[in-house]
Amino acid sequence: MVNCAVLGCNSNNNRKCKNTCKYRFFAFPLRKKTLVKAWIAKCGQNVKINVNTARICSKHFLDSDYQLKEKLLGYPKEKWKLNLDSIPSVHLPKETPSCSTSQVNRKMRAENKSRRQLVEQIMTDNVVPEVLENDPTNVEMDNNQEIEEFSLSHSIGTQTTFMDYTKKIEELEEENKQLKIKLDTAMLQWGHYKCYPKLFKIFNKQLSRRSNI
């Protein structure tokens, strides 16, 4: 048989007692320690309560403590489910000053605040490196460094290109000199052969053959 854990409440699930068997019984929200402490405080018991087996009847909850979904769907009250943060609030023994609802609410708010701070700290730790990488100052420094490296490489490349061109010009000038020497020699030979008609014809044939090749 299940009895209500609230001090002074006679509700139980004994079907023989019709007056005490008309209420539903809810288990303690074990996943939320702060909420469990609030439920224990509402019970007003002087002895330790076994929250794993203890129950509180529906007489100590208001209609606003139940989820809205079941109400809108027209479910009977026997099938209504409690909200995740519901606390017994009616037909309770007098609360002790150390276990008031305001203190319990303050503790719950403090826990929620500490959890939010922990989450923010974790997010900050993960974001800081990315922020530093994307910092405009760092980006500007990287850009300046890249510009300096490009300028240096460009200047070196320009010097190298200029030296290559200078060397090429010198080679062309030397080749031009050699061609002039060959041309002068050819002109002398042409003039020499012109004085002798037979040799001049042979010379012209050789030139035509070379031009055809």
Protein backbone atom coordinates (compact mmCIF):
# COMPACT_ATOMS: atom_id res chain seq x y z
CA MET A 1 0.00 0.00 0.00
CA VAL A 2 1.24 3.47 -0.90
CA ASN A 3 0.77 6.34 1.54
CA CYS A 4 1.25 10.04 0.90
CA ALA A 5 4.58 11.30 2.28
CA VAL A 6 3.17 14.67 3.36
CA LEU A 7 2.87 14.97 7.14
CA GLY A 8 -0.75 14.71 8.30
CA CYS A 9 -2.07 13.45 4.94
CA ASN A 10 -4.00 10.16 5.15
CA SER A 11 -4.27 9.49 1.44
CA ASN A 12 -3.35 6.00 0.26
CA ASN A 13 -4.13 3.64 -2.61
CA ASN A 14 -6.15 1.19 -0.53
CA ARG A 15 -9.27 0.53 -2.62
CA LYS A 16 -11.25 -0.40 0.45
CA CYS A 17 -11.01 3.18 1.70
CA LYS A 18 -12.95 5.12 -0.91
CA ASN A 19 -12.32 8.51 0.70
CA THR A 20 -8.53 8.12 0.68
CA CYS A 21 -8.20 6.26 -2.62
CA LYS A 22 -9.49 9.01 -4.89
CA TYR A 23 -6.10 10.67 -5.40
CA ARG A 24 -3.21 9.85 -7.68
CA PHE A 25 0.34 9.42 -6.36
CA PHE A 26 3.45 10.95 -7.91
CA ALA A 27 7.05 9.82 -7.47
CA PHE A 28 9.79 12.25 -6.48
CA PRO A 29 11.67 13.85 -9.44
CA LEU A 30 14.94 12.03 -8.76
CA ARG A 31 16.74 13.54 -11.74
CA LYS A 32 16.55 17.03 -10.24
CA LYS A 33 18.17 17.13 -6.81
CA THR A 34 17.05 20.69 -6.06
CA LEU A 35 13.46 19.80 -6.86
CA VAL A 36 13.70 16.68 -4.68
CA LYS A 37 14.81 18.85 -1.75
CA ALA A 38 11.81 21.12 -2.35
CA TRP A 39 9.43 18.15 -2.28
CA ILE A 40 11.01 16.86 0.92
CA ALA A 41 10.62 20.29 2.50
CA LYS A 42 6.95 20.39 1.54
CA CYS A 43 6.36 17.04 3.23
CA GLY A 44 7.29 18.54 6.61
CA GLN A 45 8.46 15.21 7.99
CA ASN A 46 10.85 15.09 10.94
CA VAL A 47 12.18 11.73 9.81
CA LYS A 48 14.24 10.90 6.75
CA ILE A 49 12.18 10.20 3.64
CA ASN A 50 13.17 7.45 1.21
CA VAL A 51 12.70 9.37 -2.02
CA ASN A 52 13.06 6.21 -4.11
CA THR A 53 9.83 4.75 -2.77
CA ALA A 54 7.99 7.76 -1.30
CA ARG A 55 5.00 9.30 -3.12
CA ILE A 56 2.96 12.50 -2.85
CA CYS A 57 -0.73 12.48 -3.72
CA SER A 58 -2.46 14.76 -6.20
CA LYS A 59 -4.30 16.58 -3.40
CA HIS A 60 -1.24 18.76 -2.89
CA PHE A 61 -1.00 20.01 -6.49
CA LEU A 62 -2.94 22.71 -8.32
CA ASP A 63 -4.41 22.41 -11.81
CA SER A 64 -1.70 24.79 -13.04
CA ASP A 65 0.95 22.23 -11.98
CA TYR A 66 -0.16 19.88 -14.75
CA GLN A 67 0.91 19.93 -18.38
CA LEU A 68 -1.29 21.88 -20.78
CA LYS A 69 -1.24 19.22 -23.50
CA GLU A 70 -3.48 16.76 -21.65
CA LYS A 71 -5.89 19.53 -20.72
CA LEU A 72 -6.29 20.73 -24.30
CA LEU A 73 -6.79 17.20 -25.58
CA GLY A 74 -9.59 16.70 -23.08
CA TYR A 75 -7.95 13.87 -21.14
CA PRO A 76 -9.54 13.00 -17.79
CA LYS A 77 -7.74 14.38 -14.75
CA GLU A 78 -6.58 10.89 -13.81
CA LYS A 79 -4.28 10.93 -16.87
CA TRP A 80 -2.82 14.41 -16.44
CA LYS A 81 0.97 14.62 -16.11
CA LEU A 82 2.84 17.02 -13.86
CA ASN A 83 5.08 19.73 -15.23
CA LEU A 84 8.78 19.06 -14.89
CA ASP A 85 9.17 21.85 -12.30
CA SER A 86 5.95 21.31 -10.30
CA ILE A 87 6.15 21.55 -6.48
CA PRO A 88 3.40 20.59 -3.99
CA SER A 89 1.73 23.78 -2.79
CA VAL A 90 -1.67 23.07 -1.16
CA HIS A 91 -2.87 21.17 1.93
CA LEU A 92 0.61 21.12 3.38
CA PRO A 93 1.92 21.30 6.97
CA LYS A 94 3.47 24.54 8.13
CA GLU A 95 6.89 25.02 6.60
CA THR A 96 9.93 25.49 8.76
CA PRO A 97 11.92 28.69 8.17
CA SER A 98 14.91 26.69 6.94
CA CYS A 99 12.87 24.94 4.26
CA SER A 100 10.81 27.78 2.80
CA THR A 101 9.82 27.84 -0.84
CA SER A 102 11.70 31.08 -1.48
CA GLN A 103 14.94 29.53 -0.30
CA VAL A 104 14.41 26.50 -2.50
CA ASN A 105 13.69 28.75 -5.47
CA ARG A 106 16.83 30.73 -4.76
CA LYS A 107 18.86 27.54 -4.72
CA MET A 108 17.33 26.45 -8.02
CA ARG A 109 18.13 29.82 -9.59
CA ALA A 110 21.69 29.65 -8.27
CA GLU A 111 22.16 26.17 -9.77
CA ASN A 112 20.79 27.29 -13.12
CA LYS A 113 23.08 30.32 -13.07
CA SER A 114 26.14 28.21 -12.31
CA ARG A 115 25.23 25.85 -15.16
CA ARG A 116 24.87 28.77 -17.59
CA GLN A 117 28.23 30.17 -16.49
CA LEU A 118 29.84 26.77 -17.00
CA VAL A 119 28.40 26.51 -20.51
CA GLU A 120 29.52 30.07 -21.34
CA GLN A 121 33.01 29.30 -20.05
CA ILE A 122 33.23 26.18 -22.22
CA MET A 123 32.02 28.10 -25.26
CA THR A 124 34.51 30.91 -24.55
CA ASP A 125 37.40 28.46 -24.27
CA ASN A 126 36.50 26.97 -27.66
CA VAL A 127 35.91 30.31 -29.38
CA VAL A 128 38.99 32.23 -28.18
CA PRO A 129 41.46 30.53 -30.53
CA GLU A 130 39.16 31.14 -33.48
CA VAL A 131 38.73 34.78 -32.47
CA LEU A 132 42.50 35.22 -32.25
CA GLU A 133 42.91 33.67 -35.67
CA ASN A 134 40.25 35.97 -37.13
CA ASP A 135 41.51 39.06 -35.28
CA PRO A 136 41.76 41.99 -37.76
CA THR A 137 45.11 43.00 -36.21
CA ASN A 138 46.57 39.59 -36.89
CA VAL A 139 45.14 39.61 -40.40
CA GLU A 140 46.69 43.02 -41.05
CA MET A 141 50.08 41.83 -39.75
CA ASP A 142 49.88 38.76 -41.98
CA ASN A 143 49.01 40.95 -44.96
CA ASN A 144 51.94 43.29 -44.27
CA GLN A 145 54.29 40.33 -43.99
CA GLU A 146 52.99 38.89 -47.25
CA ILE A 147 53.47 42.29 -48.96
CA GLU A 148 57.05 42.54 -47.69
CA GLU A 149 57.83 39.02 -48.87
CA PHE A 150 56.26 39.74 -52.26
CA SER A 151 58.22 43.00 -52.60
CA LEU A 152 61.48 41.26 -51.72
CA SER A 153 60.85 38.38 -54.12
CA HIS A 154 59.71 40.82 -56.80
CA SER A 155 62.85 42.95 -56.43
CA ILE A 156 65.06 39.86 -56.58
CA GLY A 157 63.15 38.63 -59.60
CA THR A 158 63.49 42.03 -61.26
CA GLN A 159 67.25 42.10 -60.67
CA THR A 160 67.58 38.57 -62.02
CA THR A 161 65.55 39.48 -65.12
CA PHE A 162 67.61 42.62 -65.72
CA MET A 163 70.85 40.64 -65.49
CA ASP A 164 69.48 38.06 -67.91
CA TYR A 165 68.54 40.80 -70.39
CA THR A 166 71.94 42.43 -70.07
CA LYS A 167 73.69 39.15 -70.72
CA LYS A 168 71.43 38.47 -73.71
CA ILE A 169 72.17 41.91 -75.18
CA GLU A 170 75.90 41.33 -74.82
CA GLU A 171 75.55 37.97 -76.58
CA LEU A 172 73.55 39.56 -79.41
CA GLU A 173 76.09 42.36 -79.81
CA GLU A 174 78.90 39.79 -80.04
CA GLU A 175 76.93 37.79 -82.59
CA ASN A 176 76.27 40.97 -84.55
CA LYS A 177 79.98 41.69 -84.68
CA GLN A 178 80.68 38.21 -86.01
CA LEU A 179 77.98 38.65 -88.67
CA LYS A 180 79.46 41.97 -89.76
CA ILE A 181 82.86 40.33 -90.12
CA LYS A 182 81.33 37.55 -92.21
CA LEU A 183 79.42 40.09 -94.32
CA ASP A 184 82.53 42.13 -94.99
CA THR A 185 84.41 38.99 -95.94
CA ALA A 186 81.57 37.94 -98.27
CA MET A 187 81.51 41.37 -99.93
CA LEU A 188 85.24 41.21 -100.56
CA GLN A 189 84.89 37.79 -102.07
CA TRP A 190 81.94 38.92 -104.19
CA GLY A 191 83.95 41.86 -105.51
CA HIS A 192 86.90 39.58 -106.21
CA TYR A 193 84.76 37.06 -108.06
CA LYS A 194 83.04 39.82 -110.05
CA CYS A 195 86.32 40.60 -111.72
CA TYR A 196 86.38 37.06 -113.04
CA PRO A 197 83.06 36.19 -114.80
CA LYS A 198 83.40 32.43 -114.63
CA LEU A 199 84.20 32.43 -110.92
CA PHE A 200 81.37 34.95 -110.34
CA LYS A 201 78.83 32.55 -111.93
CA ILE A 202 80.03 29.71 -109.70
CA PHE A 203 79.77 31.97 -106.68
CA ASN A 204 76.19 32.99 -107.55
CA LYS A 205 75.17 29.35 -107.95
CA GLN A 206 76.54 28.55 -104.51
CA LEU A 207 74.61 31.45 -103.01
CA SER A 208 71.36 30.39 -104.70
CA ARG A 209 71.78 26.83 -103.45
CA ARG A 210 72.35 28.03 -99.93
CA SER A 211 69.27 30.30 -100.11
CA ASN A 212 67.10 27.40 -101.31
CA ILE A 213 68.28 25.25 -98.42
